[in-house]
Amino acid sequence: MRDLTYPPIVLAAKTAFRALGQRFQMTGTEHVPRVGGALLVYNHISYVDFVYGGLAADPSGRLVRFMAKREIFDHPIGGPVMRSLHHVEVDRGDGIASYKRAVELLRAGEIVGIFPEATISRALELKELKTGAVRIAAAAGVPLVPVVLWGTQRMLTKDHPRDFSRGTTIAITVGEPIAVDRANAAAETRRLHATMTRMLDETIARYPPAEQPPGAWWLPARHGGSAPTLEEAARLDAEEKRERARRRAGRRRRPT
């Protein structure tokens, strides 16, 4: 697969990271295979997760083809860029095409990235995972590689102003590859959730204490922060969904 756009974009991103004075805690990156297909499975806490998520595969010399929502591909600028990077368009109403494309890429030896929570976690903890990651990896005959991001939420996430202050630490933890059984997708997804929850706890514990003081909004309630609990976050998500539906209905009722 030819990549004319991806390498210069990676270089530009690394230049931006240096300009922002960001520090990186990289753990377990050796688990990303240097050859062959693998499905990288990420937690989702920020709008910039896909920008930093690719760094998990960088030490192995690999490029990640991310599965991303269709709306990004519909953008007049973002769409052509996403296609040039060979990312995978996901239609949440009909995921068959994206499923097949992801399996095709994996069987061809590519690294594919997926966010199985589907949406950003306001709780900053792992939400319920969709079973699609397990089913895709099993169908392609490749391992899952769990990846936990931390620190990206401090820059750009839901319900908080953007903050690209210098010196933010970004933590990326990569777990050992997991072979999965397609016949037991629900159980395998629960196992993946437990693994990634443990990885997240370990990543938070390693993060510089000075950058996550008690009560910080970017720290989960379970870790002493003021982020909403998973239950509170679920209520906020439901309210947001209802408000989006109300706005859509209002637009449809407007006279032309």
Protein backbone atom coordinates (compact mmCIF):
# COMPACT_ATOMS: atom_id res chain seq x y z
CA MET A 1 0.00 0.00 0.00
CA ARG A 2 1.49 3.34 -1.06
CA ASP A 3 1.66 6.05 1.60
CA LEU A 4 2.50 9.46 0.16
CA THR A 5 0.58 11.50 2.75
CA TYR A 6 1.06 9.58 5.98
CA PRO A 7 4.86 10.01 6.55
CA PRO A 8 4.87 13.83 6.22
CA ILE A 9 1.80 14.07 8.46
CA VAL A 10 3.54 11.96 11.11
CA LEU A 11 6.59 14.21 10.85
CA ALA A 12 4.43 17.33 11.18
CA ALA A 13 2.66 15.87 14.23
CA LYS A 14 5.95 15.06 15.95
CA THR A 15 7.14 18.59 15.27
CA ALA A 16 3.95 19.93 16.88
CA PHE A 17 4.45 17.67 19.91
CA ARG A 18 7.96 19.07 20.38
CA ALA A 19 6.71 22.63 19.98
CA LEU A 20 4.19 21.96 22.75
CA GLY A 21 6.96 20.60 24.97
CA GLN A 22 5.05 17.38 25.49
CA ARG A 23 6.63 14.50 27.36
CA PHE A 24 5.81 10.89 26.51
CA GLN A 25 5.59 7.86 28.75
CA MET A 26 5.74 4.93 26.33
CA THR A 27 5.31 1.45 27.78
CA GLY A 28 5.06 -1.90 25.99
CA THR A 29 5.41 -0.64 22.42
CA GLU A 30 7.43 -3.75 21.61
CA HIS A 31 4.13 -5.64 21.63
CA VAL A 32 3.11 -4.09 18.30
CA PRO A 33 4.29 -6.60 15.67
CA ARG A 34 6.84 -5.36 13.14
CA VAL A 35 5.28 -7.48 10.41
CA GLY A 36 1.81 -8.88 9.83
CA GLY A 37 -1.64 -7.73 10.76
CA ALA A 38 -2.87 -6.75 14.21
CA LEU A 39 -5.88 -4.87 15.56
CA LEU A 40 -4.92 -2.12 18.01
CA VAL A 41 -7.75 -1.50 20.48
CA TYR A 42 -7.80 1.92 22.19
CA ASN A 43 -9.66 3.57 25.05
CA HIS A 44 -11.32 6.85 24.05
CA ILE A 45 -10.98 9.96 26.23
CA SER A 46 -10.26 12.79 23.78
CA TYR A 47 -10.97 14.16 20.32
CA VAL A 48 -7.23 13.90 19.57
CA ASP A 49 -6.80 10.24 20.55
CA PHE A 50 -6.30 9.13 16.95
CA VAL A 51 -3.49 11.68 16.54
CA TYR A 52 -1.54 10.27 19.47
CA GLY A 53 -2.72 6.68 19.12
CA GLY A 54 -0.55 6.10 16.08
CA LEU A 55 2.56 6.61 18.22
CA ALA A 56 1.95 3.20 19.81
CA ALA A 57 3.03 1.60 16.52
CA ASP A 58 5.76 4.10 15.64
CA PRO A 59 8.68 2.26 17.38
CA SER A 60 7.78 -0.82 15.31
CA GLY A 61 7.84 1.22 12.11
CA ARG A 62 4.14 0.66 11.46
CA LEU A 63 1.31 2.95 10.34
CA VAL A 64 -2.15 2.56 11.85
CA ARG A 65 -5.31 2.57 9.69
CA PHE A 66 -7.92 3.94 12.06
CA MET A 67 -11.61 3.15 11.92
CA ALA A 68 -13.39 6.52 12.16
CA LYS A 69 -16.95 7.77 11.91
CA ARG A 70 -18.35 8.71 8.51
CA GLU A 71 -18.84 12.38 9.47
CA ILE A 72 -15.07 12.93 9.37
CA PHE A 73 -14.92 11.50 5.85
CA ASP A 74 -17.78 13.78 4.81
CA HIS A 75 -15.74 16.88 5.66
CA PRO A 76 -14.44 18.65 2.51
CA ILE A 77 -10.88 18.79 3.88
CA GLY A 78 -10.79 15.99 6.42
CA GLY A 79 -12.35 13.45 4.07
CA PRO A 80 -9.66 13.49 1.36
CA VAL A 81 -6.93 13.45 4.02
CA MET A 82 -8.47 10.46 5.79
CA ARG A 83 -8.76 8.55 2.52
CA SER A 84 -5.17 9.32 1.58
CA LEU A 85 -4.10 7.77 4.90
CA HIS A 86 -6.17 4.66 4.09
CA HIS A 87 -8.28 4.97 7.23
CA VAL A 88 -11.56 3.07 7.40
CA GLU A 89 -14.91 4.89 7.15
CA VAL A 90 -17.50 3.69 9.67
CA ASP A 91 -21.22 4.16 9.14
CA ARG A 92 -22.76 3.63 12.58
CA GLY A 93 -26.08 2.79 10.98
CA ASP A 94 -24.61 0.07 8.76
CA GLY A 95 -21.21 -1.24 9.80
CA ILE A 96 -20.92 -4.16 7.37
CA ALA A 97 -18.77 -2.30 4.82
CA SER A 98 -16.32 -1.03 7.44
CA TYR A 99 -16.15 -4.50 9.04
CA LYS A 100 -15.24 -6.07 5.71
CA ARG A 101 -12.69 -3.36 4.90
CA ALA A 102 -10.99 -3.74 8.28
CA VAL A 103 -10.78 -7.52 7.87
CA GLU A 104 -9.39 -7.07 4.35
CA LEU A 105 -6.65 -4.71 5.59
CA LEU A 106 -5.72 -6.98 8.48
CA ARG A 107 -5.48 -10.04 6.25
CA ALA A 108 -3.20 -7.99 3.97
CA GLY A 109 -0.84 -7.48 6.93
CA GLU A 110 -1.86 -3.96 7.95
CA ILE A 111 -2.23 -2.50 11.44
CA VAL A 112 -5.79 -1.29 12.08
CA GLY A 113 -6.89 0.85 15.03
CA ILE A 114 -10.34 0.78 16.64
CA PHE A 115 -12.09 2.57 19.52
CA PRO A 116 -14.63 -0.04 20.71
CA GLU A 117 -16.30 2.33 23.21
CA ALA A 118 -17.55 4.16 20.08
CA THR A 119 -17.74 7.53 21.86
CA ILE A 120 -15.56 9.52 24.26
CA SER A 121 -15.85 8.49 27.91
CA ARG A 122 -16.88 11.44 30.05
CA ALA A 123 -15.95 9.36 33.11
CA LEU A 124 -12.44 8.90 31.66
CA GLU A 125 -12.81 5.24 32.56
CA LEU A 126 -13.47 2.41 30.17
CA LYS A 127 -17.11 2.28 29.06
CA GLU A 128 -18.82 -0.86 27.82
CA LEU A 129 -17.00 -2.21 24.76
CA LYS A 130 -18.73 -3.19 21.53
CA THR A 131 -17.98 -6.75 20.39
CA GLY A 132 -16.89 -5.59 16.93
CA ALA A 133 -13.18 -5.53 17.80
CA VAL A 134 -13.17 -9.19 18.81
CA ARG A 135 -15.23 -10.21 15.77
CA ILE A 136 -12.98 -8.32 13.35
CA ALA A 137 -9.75 -9.72 14.80
CA ALA A 138 -11.10 -13.27 14.87
CA ALA A 139 -12.40 -13.07 11.30
CA ALA A 140 -9.04 -11.79 10.07
CA GLY A 141 -7.06 -14.29 12.14
CA VAL A 142 -4.96 -11.59 13.86
CA PRO A 143 -4.35 -10.72 17.52
CA LEU A 144 -5.86 -7.84 19.45
CA VAL A 145 -3.30 -5.46 20.94
CA PRO A 146 -4.80 -3.34 23.76
CA VAL A 147 -3.61 0.27 23.98
CA VAL A 148 -4.37 2.78 26.75
CA LEU A 149 -3.96 6.53 26.24
CA TRP A 150 -3.78 8.99 29.12
CA GLY A 151 -3.24 12.75 29.20
CA THR A 152 -4.91 13.47 25.87
CA GLN A 153 -8.14 14.34 27.70
CA ARG A 154 -6.41 17.38 29.20
CA MET A 155 -6.15 18.96 25.73
CA LEU A 156 -9.51 18.41 24.07
CA THR A 157 -12.45 16.40 25.36
CA LYS A 158 -16.16 16.71 26.04
CA ASP A 159 -17.54 19.40 28.38
CA HIS A 160 -14.22 21.19 28.92
CA PRO A 161 -12.38 24.01 27.11
CA ARG A 162 -9.43 23.09 24.93
CA ASP A 163 -6.04 23.47 26.57
CA PHE A 164 -2.86 23.03 24.57
CA SER A 165 -0.58 24.37 27.29
CA ARG A 166 3.06 23.37 27.06
CA GLY A 167 4.50 20.49 29.01
CA THR A 168 1.61 18.02 29.15
CA THR A 169 2.64 14.41 29.67
CA ILE A 170 1.08 11.90 27.29
CA ALA A 171 1.12 8.28 28.44
CA ILE A 172 0.73 5.38 26.00
CA THR A 173 0.61 1.84 27.37
CA VAL A 174 0.57 -1.14 25.01
CA GLY A 175 -0.43 -4.56 26.30
CA GLU A 176 0.52 -8.04 25.17
CA PRO A 177 -1.26 -9.38 22.06
CA ILE A 178 -4.45 -11.32 22.76
CA ALA A 179 -5.66 -14.20 20.59
CA VAL A 180 -9.46 -14.25 20.49
CA ASP A 181 -12.19 -16.78 19.79
CA ARG A 182 -14.93 -15.53 17.48
CA ALA A 183 -17.38 -18.10 18.79
CA ASN A 184 -17.31 -16.43 22.21
CA ALA A 185 -17.22 -12.74 21.28
CA ALA A 186 -19.11 -11.54 24.38
CA ALA A 187 -16.81 -13.37 26.81
CA GLU A 188 -13.69 -12.29 24.92
CA THR A 189 -14.90 -8.68 24.99
CA ARG A 190 -15.37 -8.87 28.76
CA ARG A 191 -11.81 -10.23 29.05
CA LEU A 192 -10.53 -7.38 26.90
CA HIS A 193 -12.40 -4.85 29.06
CA ALA A 194 -10.86 -6.27 32.24
CA THR A 195 -7.38 -6.18 30.70
CA MET A 196 -7.70 -2.59 29.53
CA THR A 197 -9.18 -1.46 32.85
CA ARG A 198 -6.16 -2.89 34.64
CA MET A 199 -3.85 -1.21 32.14
CA LEU A 200 -5.62 2.12 32.65
CA ASP A 201 -5.24 1.89 36.43
CA GLU A 202 -1.53 1.13 36.05
CA THR A 203 -1.07 3.99 33.59
CA ILE A 204 -2.77 6.48 35.92
CA ALA A 205 -0.60 5.24 38.80
CA ARG A 206 2.57 5.90 36.76
CA TYR A 207 1.47 9.35 35.58
CA PRO A 208 3.28 12.30 37.20
CA PRO A 209 1.38 13.13 40.44
CA ALA A 210 2.00 16.86 39.96
CA GLU A 211 -0.05 16.71 36.76
CA GLN A 212 -3.09 15.01 38.28
CA PRO A 213 -3.74 16.47 41.72
CA PRO A 214 -6.66 15.17 43.80
CA GLY A 215 -9.93 16.63 42.59
CA ALA A 216 -8.67 17.33 39.06
CA TRP A 217 -11.45 17.16 36.49
CA TRP A 218 -9.28 15.03 34.21
CA LEU A 219 -8.96 12.30 36.85
CA PRO A 220 -11.66 9.60 37.30
CA ALA A 221 -13.76 9.78 40.47
CA ARG A 222 -12.50 6.32 41.43
CA HIS A 223 -8.96 7.74 41.47
CA GLY A 224 -9.84 10.80 43.54
CA GLY A 225 -10.73 13.16 40.68
CA SER A 226 -13.90 15.08 39.93
CA ALA A 227 -14.78 13.46 36.62
CA PRO A 228 -18.31 12.03 36.59
CA THR A 229 -18.77 8.40 37.53
CA LEU A 230 -19.64 5.93 34.80
CA GLU A 231 -23.28 6.11 35.89
CA GLU A 232 -23.32 9.92 35.85
CA ALA A 233 -21.56 9.94 32.49
CA ALA A 234 -24.16 7.56 31.05
CA ARG A 235 -26.89 10.00 32.10
CA LEU A 236 -25.03 12.91 30.45
CA ASP A 237 -24.55 10.85 27.29
CA ALA A 238 -28.28 10.09 27.17
CA GLU A 239 -29.13 13.78 27.61
CA GLU A 240 -26.74 14.72 24.82
CA LYS A 241 -28.29 12.11 22.54
CA ARG A 242 -31.79 13.41 23.23
CA GLU A 243 -30.70 16.99 22.57
CA ARG A 244 -29.12 16.02 19.23
CA ALA A 245 -32.35 14.25 18.26
CA ARG A 246 -34.37 17.33 19.26
CA ARG A 247 -32.19 19.61 17.12
CA ARG A 248 -32.45 17.27 14.14
CA ALA A 249 -36.23 17.16 14.48
CA GLY A 250 -36.32 20.96 14.67
CA ARG A 251 -34.32 21.30 11.45
CA ARG A 252 -36.67 18.90 9.67
CA ARG A 253 -39.71 20.97 10.74
CA ARG A 254 -38.33 24.28 9.49
CA PRO A 255 -40.12 25.66 6.40
CA THR A 256 -38.08 25.68 3.22
